[in-house]
Amino acid sequence: MPETLFPLPEPLTIPVEGETAEFPIGRIFCVGRNYAAHAAEMGVEVDREAPFYFTKSSANAMLSGGSAPYPPGTENFHYEMELALAIGKPVFRATAQEARAAIYGYGCALDMTRRDLQIRERKKQRPWDLGKDLEQGAVFAPLTKAEDWGPVADQRIWLTLDDEIKQEATLAELIWSVEEIICHLSGFYHLRPGDLILTGTPAGVGPTQPGQEINGGITGLSPISLRLIDPA
């Protein structure tokens, strides 16, 4: 290996229930508008022809249970509660069976969003990076292995802000199933172990302020929490 000019941080790893080894984070793909009610509250229609995606940098991920400063450049910082898929096998142009077999585990995740910047760029038909890919903007709870949790069905997904329910739905409301997402996405990328896919958020997203506590859960998975603090 060549000598490098400076060291880079080691990749973040996510604990796995019942395992001593942890899941290293590779790429983070996010599905947009995968609940009809959320698309409606954002004032857009659901694209039922195919899923669409944006990405978050693994360097911007953090684990559940920590604190994150209110980010710079925004006055409308939103929570989004999501189911995360953890890929454990290489897969390309997957069938539904191959897609299911590629899932190592599932977990709760938060897709934190500078909503004002996202909407501003969306109106100008520009990428959403400033709104979506922000430091400490992807939060992950410990994973549960797929065989220990079972298939995605009608599990409840919810989020509270300072103990007040803000988001509540079931995974049966996903427009694109986890198999459909992996089949479609693997037609464009060679998915590999370490990849994570956030599957979209239910309706009820909203703004946060420093000092507030976010908690969320999905039936049968480890819960997630994040406390917002004053800007750094």
Protein backbone atom coordinates (compact mmCIF):
# COMPACT_ATOMS: atom_id res chain seq x y z
CA MET A 1 0.00 0.00 0.00
CA PRO A 2 1.34 3.49 -0.82
CA GLU A 3 2.00 5.93 1.97
CA THR A 4 -0.78 8.50 2.26
CA LEU A 5 -0.39 12.20 2.93
CA PHE A 6 -2.79 12.08 5.87
CA PRO A 7 -5.02 9.50 7.58
CA LEU A 8 -8.75 9.25 6.96
CA PRO A 9 -11.26 8.26 9.63
CA GLU A 10 -12.02 4.58 9.94
CA PRO A 11 -15.46 3.65 8.55
CA LEU A 12 -18.26 3.77 11.08
CA THR A 13 -19.63 0.38 12.12
CA ILE A 14 -23.14 -0.46 13.32
CA PRO A 15 -23.68 -2.93 16.18
CA VAL A 16 -25.65 -6.07 15.34
CA GLU A 17 -27.97 -7.63 17.89
CA GLY A 18 -26.51 -10.92 19.14
CA GLU A 19 -23.14 -10.47 17.37
CA THR A 20 -19.75 -9.26 18.55
CA ALA A 21 -18.69 -8.23 15.03
CA GLU A 22 -20.21 -5.01 13.68
CA PHE A 23 -21.51 -3.99 10.25
CA PRO A 24 -19.18 -1.55 8.43
CA ILE A 25 -20.96 1.24 6.57
CA GLY A 26 -20.17 1.48 2.87
CA ARG A 27 -22.50 3.42 0.60
CA ILE A 28 -25.83 4.87 1.74
CA PHE A 29 -28.68 4.94 -0.78
CA CYS A 30 -32.02 6.57 0.08
CA VAL A 31 -35.38 6.04 -1.61
CA GLY A 32 -37.44 9.18 -2.13
CA ARG A 33 -41.21 9.49 -1.72
CA ASN A 34 -41.93 5.86 -0.88
CA TYR A 35 -45.06 6.57 1.19
CA ALA A 36 -47.98 8.17 -0.64
CA ALA A 37 -49.05 10.31 2.33
CA HIS A 38 -45.55 11.76 2.71
CA ALA A 39 -45.39 12.64 -0.99
CA ALA A 40 -48.74 14.40 -0.62
CA GLU A 41 -47.60 16.44 2.38
CA MET A 42 -44.53 17.51 0.35
CA GLY A 43 -46.82 18.70 -2.44
CA VAL A 44 -45.59 16.21 -5.04
CA GLU A 45 -46.99 13.16 -6.75
CA VAL A 46 -45.65 9.65 -6.32
CA ASP A 47 -43.66 8.36 -9.30
CA ARG A 48 -45.15 4.89 -9.69
CA GLU A 49 -43.05 4.01 -12.73
CA ALA A 50 -39.88 3.35 -10.73
CA PRO A 51 -38.24 4.27 -7.41
CA PHE A 52 -35.79 7.16 -7.33
CA TYR A 53 -32.80 7.74 -5.08
CA PHE A 54 -30.41 10.16 -3.48
CA THR A 55 -27.27 9.30 -1.52
CA LYS A 56 -25.66 10.21 1.78
CA SER A 57 -21.95 9.98 2.56
CA SER A 58 -20.84 7.29 4.98
CA ALA A 59 -18.59 9.92 6.58
CA ASN A 60 -21.73 11.80 7.58
CA ALA A 61 -23.29 8.86 9.46
CA MET A 62 -23.61 8.51 13.23
CA LEU A 63 -25.02 5.99 15.68
CA SER A 64 -28.22 6.18 17.68
CA GLY A 65 -28.05 7.48 21.22
CA GLY A 66 -25.79 10.44 20.57
CA SER A 67 -26.14 14.19 20.23
CA ALA A 68 -25.80 16.24 17.06
CA PRO A 69 -25.54 20.02 16.71
CA TYR A 70 -28.22 21.87 14.80
CA PRO A 71 -26.57 22.17 11.37
CA PRO A 72 -25.44 25.38 9.71
CA GLY A 73 -27.24 26.99 6.79
CA THR A 74 -30.80 26.01 7.67
CA GLU A 75 -33.79 27.31 9.58
CA ASN A 76 -35.97 24.26 8.89
CA PHE A 77 -34.22 21.07 10.03
CA HIS A 78 -36.50 18.03 9.70
CA TYR A 79 -36.58 14.48 11.06
CA GLU A 80 -37.49 11.52 8.83
CA MET A 81 -37.94 8.05 10.34
CA GLU A 82 -37.02 5.13 8.05
CA LEU A 83 -36.43 1.39 7.75
CA ALA A 84 -32.84 0.65 6.72
CA LEU A 85 -31.80 -2.42 4.73
CA ALA A 86 -28.26 -3.71 5.29
CA ILE A 87 -26.79 -5.56 2.31
CA GLY A 88 -24.69 -8.61 3.18
CA LYS A 89 -24.06 -10.27 -0.21
CA PRO A 90 -22.98 -8.94 -3.62
CA VAL A 91 -25.94 -8.61 -5.95
CA PHE A 92 -26.35 -7.25 -9.47
CA ARG A 93 -29.53 -7.24 -11.56
CA ALA A 94 -31.21 -9.19 -8.79
CA THR A 95 -34.29 -11.35 -8.98
CA ALA A 96 -36.75 -11.06 -6.09
CA GLN A 97 -35.27 -14.20 -4.54
CA GLU A 98 -31.71 -12.87 -4.89
CA ALA A 99 -32.81 -9.54 -3.43
CA ARG A 100 -34.20 -11.21 -0.30
CA ALA A 101 -31.06 -13.33 0.07
CA ALA A 102 -28.84 -10.23 -0.16
CA ILE A 103 -30.38 -8.59 2.92
CA TYR A 104 -28.17 -9.14 5.97
CA GLY A 105 -30.36 -7.24 8.35
CA TYR A 106 -32.73 -4.40 9.12
CA GLY A 107 -32.58 -1.38 11.37
CA CYS A 108 -34.13 1.92 12.32
CA ALA A 109 -32.63 5.03 10.73
CA LEU A 110 -33.10 8.79 10.67
CA ASP A 111 -32.70 10.76 7.45
CA MET A 112 -32.13 14.26 8.84
CA THR A 113 -32.88 16.95 6.28
CA ARG A 114 -32.28 20.66 5.79
CA ARG A 115 -35.75 21.00 4.31
CA ASP A 116 -35.49 24.63 3.27
CA LEU A 117 -32.35 23.88 1.26
CA GLN A 118 -33.84 20.75 -0.27
CA ILE A 119 -36.96 22.59 -1.44
CA ARG A 120 -34.96 25.57 -2.69
CA GLU A 121 -32.76 23.35 -4.84
CA ARG A 122 -35.67 21.21 -5.97
CA LYS A 123 -37.50 24.28 -7.29
CA LYS A 124 -34.40 25.14 -9.34
CA GLN A 125 -34.14 21.54 -10.58
CA ARG A 126 -30.78 21.16 -8.86
CA PRO A 127 -29.42 18.22 -6.81
CA TRP A 128 -30.53 17.92 -3.20
CA ASP A 129 -27.07 17.39 -1.70
CA LEU A 130 -27.06 20.47 0.56
CA GLY A 131 -30.43 19.49 1.95
CA LYS A 132 -29.77 15.80 2.41
CA ASP A 133 -26.07 14.94 2.70
CA LEU A 134 -25.09 16.81 5.84
CA GLU A 135 -22.74 16.01 8.71
CA GLN A 136 -24.37 13.62 11.20
CA GLY A 137 -27.39 13.53 8.92
CA ALA A 138 -27.77 9.73 8.72
CA VAL A 139 -28.42 8.08 12.07
CA PHE A 140 -28.46 4.31 12.58
CA ALA A 141 -29.70 2.09 15.40
CA PRO A 142 -28.27 -1.41 15.97
CA LEU A 143 -29.20 -3.88 13.26
CA THR A 144 -31.23 -7.05 13.60
CA LYS A 145 -30.33 -9.96 11.31
CA ALA A 146 -32.95 -10.71 8.67
CA GLU A 147 -33.52 -14.29 9.88
CA ASP A 148 -34.15 -13.02 13.41
CA TRP A 149 -36.78 -10.47 12.37
CA GLY A 150 -38.68 -12.07 9.53
CA PRO A 151 -40.21 -10.56 6.38
CA VAL A 152 -41.27 -6.95 6.01
CA ALA A 153 -45.05 -6.90 6.42
CA ASP A 154 -47.28 -4.57 8.43
CA GLN A 155 -44.86 -3.69 11.24
CA ARG A 156 -45.56 -0.33 12.88
CA ILE A 157 -43.09 2.51 12.24
CA TRP A 158 -43.23 5.64 14.39
CA LEU A 159 -41.33 8.70 15.61
CA THR A 160 -41.75 11.00 18.59
CA LEU A 161 -40.39 14.50 19.13
CA ASP A 162 -40.13 15.31 22.85
CA ASP A 163 -42.46 12.34 23.51
CA GLU A 164 -45.15 13.60 21.11
CA ILE A 165 -46.04 11.22 18.27
CA LYS A 166 -45.25 12.87 14.94
CA GLN A 167 -44.97 9.96 12.49
CA GLU A 168 -46.94 6.72 12.58
CA ALA A 169 -47.62 4.22 9.80
CA THR A 170 -46.98 0.59 8.90
CA LEU A 171 -44.42 -0.90 6.54
CA ALA A 172 -47.33 -2.24 4.49
CA GLU A 173 -47.69 1.35 3.24
CA LEU A 174 -44.36 1.25 1.41
CA ILE A 175 -45.03 1.93 -2.27
CA TRP A 176 -41.98 -0.02 -3.40
CA SER A 177 -41.25 -3.19 -1.43
CA VAL A 178 -37.76 -3.99 -0.18
CA GLU A 179 -37.39 -6.63 -2.91
CA GLU A 180 -38.51 -4.22 -5.62
CA ILE A 181 -36.09 -1.58 -4.39
CA ILE A 182 -33.10 -3.95 -4.43
CA CYS A 183 -34.07 -5.40 -7.81
CA HIS A 184 -34.33 -1.92 -9.31
CA LEU A 185 -31.26 -0.37 -7.65
CA SER A 186 -29.08 -3.38 -8.48
CA GLY A 187 -29.80 -2.73 -12.14
CA PHE A 188 -27.69 0.43 -11.84
CA TYR A 189 -25.11 -0.53 -9.17
CA HIS A 190 -23.24 -3.64 -8.16
CA LEU A 191 -24.58 -3.71 -4.61
CA ARG A 192 -22.09 -5.09 -2.12
CA PRO A 193 -21.75 -5.93 1.57
CA GLY A 194 -21.75 -2.76 3.65
CA ASP A 195 -24.27 -0.93 1.47
CA LEU A 196 -27.30 0.50 3.29
CA ILE A 197 -30.63 1.45 1.76
CA LEU A 198 -33.04 3.79 3.54
CA THR A 199 -36.51 2.94 2.28
CA GLY A 200 -38.39 6.20 2.70
CA THR A 201 -40.33 8.01 5.42
CA PRO A 202 -44.02 8.13 6.37
CA ALA A 203 -46.06 11.32 6.59
CA GLY A 204 -45.63 13.63 9.55
CA VAL A 205 -42.15 15.02 8.97
CA GLY A 206 -41.47 18.33 10.65
CA PRO A 207 -39.00 20.84 12.08
CA THR A 208 -36.77 20.50 15.11
CA GLN A 209 -34.95 22.83 17.47
CA PRO A 210 -31.83 22.50 19.65
CA GLY A 211 -32.63 20.79 22.93
CA GLN A 212 -35.25 18.48 21.45
CA GLU A 213 -35.15 14.69 21.66
CA ILE A 214 -36.08 12.43 18.74
CA ASN A 215 -37.07 8.83 19.38
CA GLY A 216 -38.33 6.30 16.89
CA GLY A 217 -39.00 2.65 16.39
CA ILE A 218 -40.15 -0.17 14.16
CA THR A 219 -41.84 -3.21 15.68
CA GLY A 220 -39.24 -5.85 16.54
CA LEU A 221 -36.17 -3.70 15.85
CA SER A 222 -33.86 -1.77 18.17
CA PRO A 223 -35.20 1.76 18.73
CA ILE A 224 -33.39 4.90 17.65
CA SER A 225 -32.75 8.20 19.43
CA LEU A 226 -31.05 11.51 18.74
CA ARG A 227 -30.72 14.65 20.82
CA LEU A 228 -30.21 17.98 19.07
CA ILE A 229 -27.91 20.50 20.70
CA ASP A 230 -26.91 24.08 20.03
CA PRO A 231 -24.96 24.77 16.82
CA ALA A 232 -21.27 23.95 16.98
